[in-house]
Protein backbone atom coordinates (compact mmCIF):
# COMPACT_ATOMS: atom_id res chain seq x y z
CA UNK A 1 90.24 190.72 38.75
CA UNK A 2 86.94 189.20 37.84
CA UNK A 3 86.62 186.95 34.88
CA UNK A 4 83.41 186.17 33.10
CA UNK A 5 82.73 182.52 33.63
CA UNK A 6 80.59 180.44 31.40
CA UNK A 7 77.84 178.97 33.47
CA UNK A 8 77.69 175.24 32.85
CA UNK A 9 74.43 173.37 32.97
CA UNK A 10 74.14 170.93 35.83
CA UNK A 11 74.22 167.28 34.75
CA UNK A 12 70.77 166.75 36.27
CA UNK A 13 69.28 168.77 33.42
CA UNK A 14 70.66 166.20 30.97
CA UNK A 15 69.03 163.12 32.53
CA UNK A 16 67.05 161.08 30.01
CA UNK A 17 64.36 158.55 30.71
CA UNK A 18 63.12 155.83 28.40
CA UNK A 19 60.92 152.74 28.57
CA UNK A 20 62.50 149.76 26.83
CA UNK A 21 61.55 146.20 26.03
CA UNK A 22 63.47 143.54 24.19
CA UNK A 23 60.75 141.00 23.36
CA UNK A 24 62.89 137.89 22.89
CA UNK A 25 61.80 136.33 26.17
CA UNK A 26 65.34 136.56 27.52
CA UNK A 27 66.91 139.09 29.84
CA UNK A 28 67.82 142.69 29.14
CA UNK A 29 71.46 141.75 29.71
CA UNK A 30 71.29 139.62 26.54
CA UNK A 31 70.78 142.76 24.42
CA UNK A 32 72.28 145.52 26.62
CA UNK A 33 75.64 145.07 28.34
CA UNK A 34 75.86 146.54 31.84
CA UNK A 35 79.42 147.50 32.79
CA UNK A 36 81.13 149.25 35.69
CA UNK A 37 79.79 149.05 39.22
CA UNK A 38 80.97 149.84 42.73
CA UNK A 39 83.49 147.00 42.73
CA UNK A 40 85.35 148.88 39.96
CA UNK A 41 84.93 152.29 41.59
CA UNK A 42 82.50 153.36 38.85
CA UNK A 43 78.82 154.01 38.40
CA UNK A 44 77.04 151.30 36.41
CA UNK A 45 77.01 152.24 32.74
CA UNK A 46 75.81 150.76 29.48
CA UNK A 47 78.22 148.85 27.28
CA UNK A 48 77.23 147.47 23.90
CA UNK A 49 73.55 148.01 23.00
CA UNK A 50 71.98 145.84 20.29
CA UNK A 51 69.68 148.56 18.98
CA UNK A 52 67.95 146.21 16.54
CA UNK A 53 66.83 143.97 19.45
CA UNK A 54 65.67 146.73 21.83
CA UNK A 55 62.45 148.72 21.41
CA UNK A 56 62.23 152.14 23.03
CA UNK A 57 58.57 152.98 23.77
CA UNK A 58 59.11 156.37 25.40
CA UNK A 59 62.11 158.67 25.18
CA UNK A 60 65.44 158.10 23.45
CA UNK A 61 67.24 154.76 23.36
CA UNK A 62 70.31 155.02 25.61
CA UNK A 63 73.67 154.52 23.96
CA UNK A 64 76.94 152.89 24.93
CA UNK A 65 78.68 154.73 27.74
CA UNK A 66 75.52 156.25 29.23
CA UNK A 67 75.58 156.16 33.03
CA UNK A 68 72.68 154.19 34.50
CA UNK A 69 71.03 156.09 37.36
CA UNK A 70 67.70 154.30 37.96
CA UNK A 71 65.77 151.23 36.88
CA UNK A 72 61.99 151.62 37.32
CA UNK A 73 62.58 154.29 39.94
CA UNK A 74 65.11 152.21 41.92
CA UNK A 75 68.47 154.01 42.21
CA UNK A 76 71.38 151.82 41.05
CA UNK A 77 74.25 154.29 41.46
CA UNK A 78 76.66 152.88 44.02
CA UNK A 79 75.58 149.26 43.43
CA UNK A 80 77.89 146.52 42.25
CA UNK A 81 77.45 145.18 38.73
CA UNK A 82 75.88 142.00 40.08
CA UNK A 83 73.40 143.93 42.24
CA UNK A 84 72.49 146.19 39.30
CA UNK A 85 71.73 143.15 37.16
CA UNK A 86 69.62 141.70 40.01
CA UNK A 87 67.56 144.91 40.14
CA UNK A 88 67.01 144.74 36.37
CA UNK A 89 65.97 141.06 36.53
CA UNK A 90 63.45 141.87 39.26
CA UNK A 91 61.23 143.88 36.88
CA UNK A 92 59.18 142.75 33.91
CA UNK A 93 59.42 144.53 30.61
CA UNK A 94 59.04 147.25 29.62
CA UNK A 95 61.39 148.79 32.13
CA UNK A 96 62.13 152.49 32.62
CA UNK A 97 65.79 153.43 32.52
CA UNK A 98 67.06 156.79 33.72
CA UNK A 99 70.45 157.57 32.18
CA UNK A 100 72.80 160.48 31.63
CA UNK A 101 75.64 161.01 29.17
CA UNK A 102 79.02 161.04 30.95
CA UNK A 103 81.05 164.19 31.15
């Protein structure tokens, strides 16, 4: 009794990378909300994104709900929200974000 199964693509093939800057002299968290984190039992993910305030130099601008995997090559999965924000603050703009759509 074999059934033909649809082979699903692994999520790693859907990872997107972009280089973003926000240019207002403030922090990224002022234009991109970071939600989730290990303290909530979730991966860090993007909340509201003010697309008019963020410039994407390379790649596609991440959207709300995208899971944040890396910031400038530093893995942030498994970090608390506070630690994720600390990693983001550590780097100067533009920063490279590696994200993936959930699901």
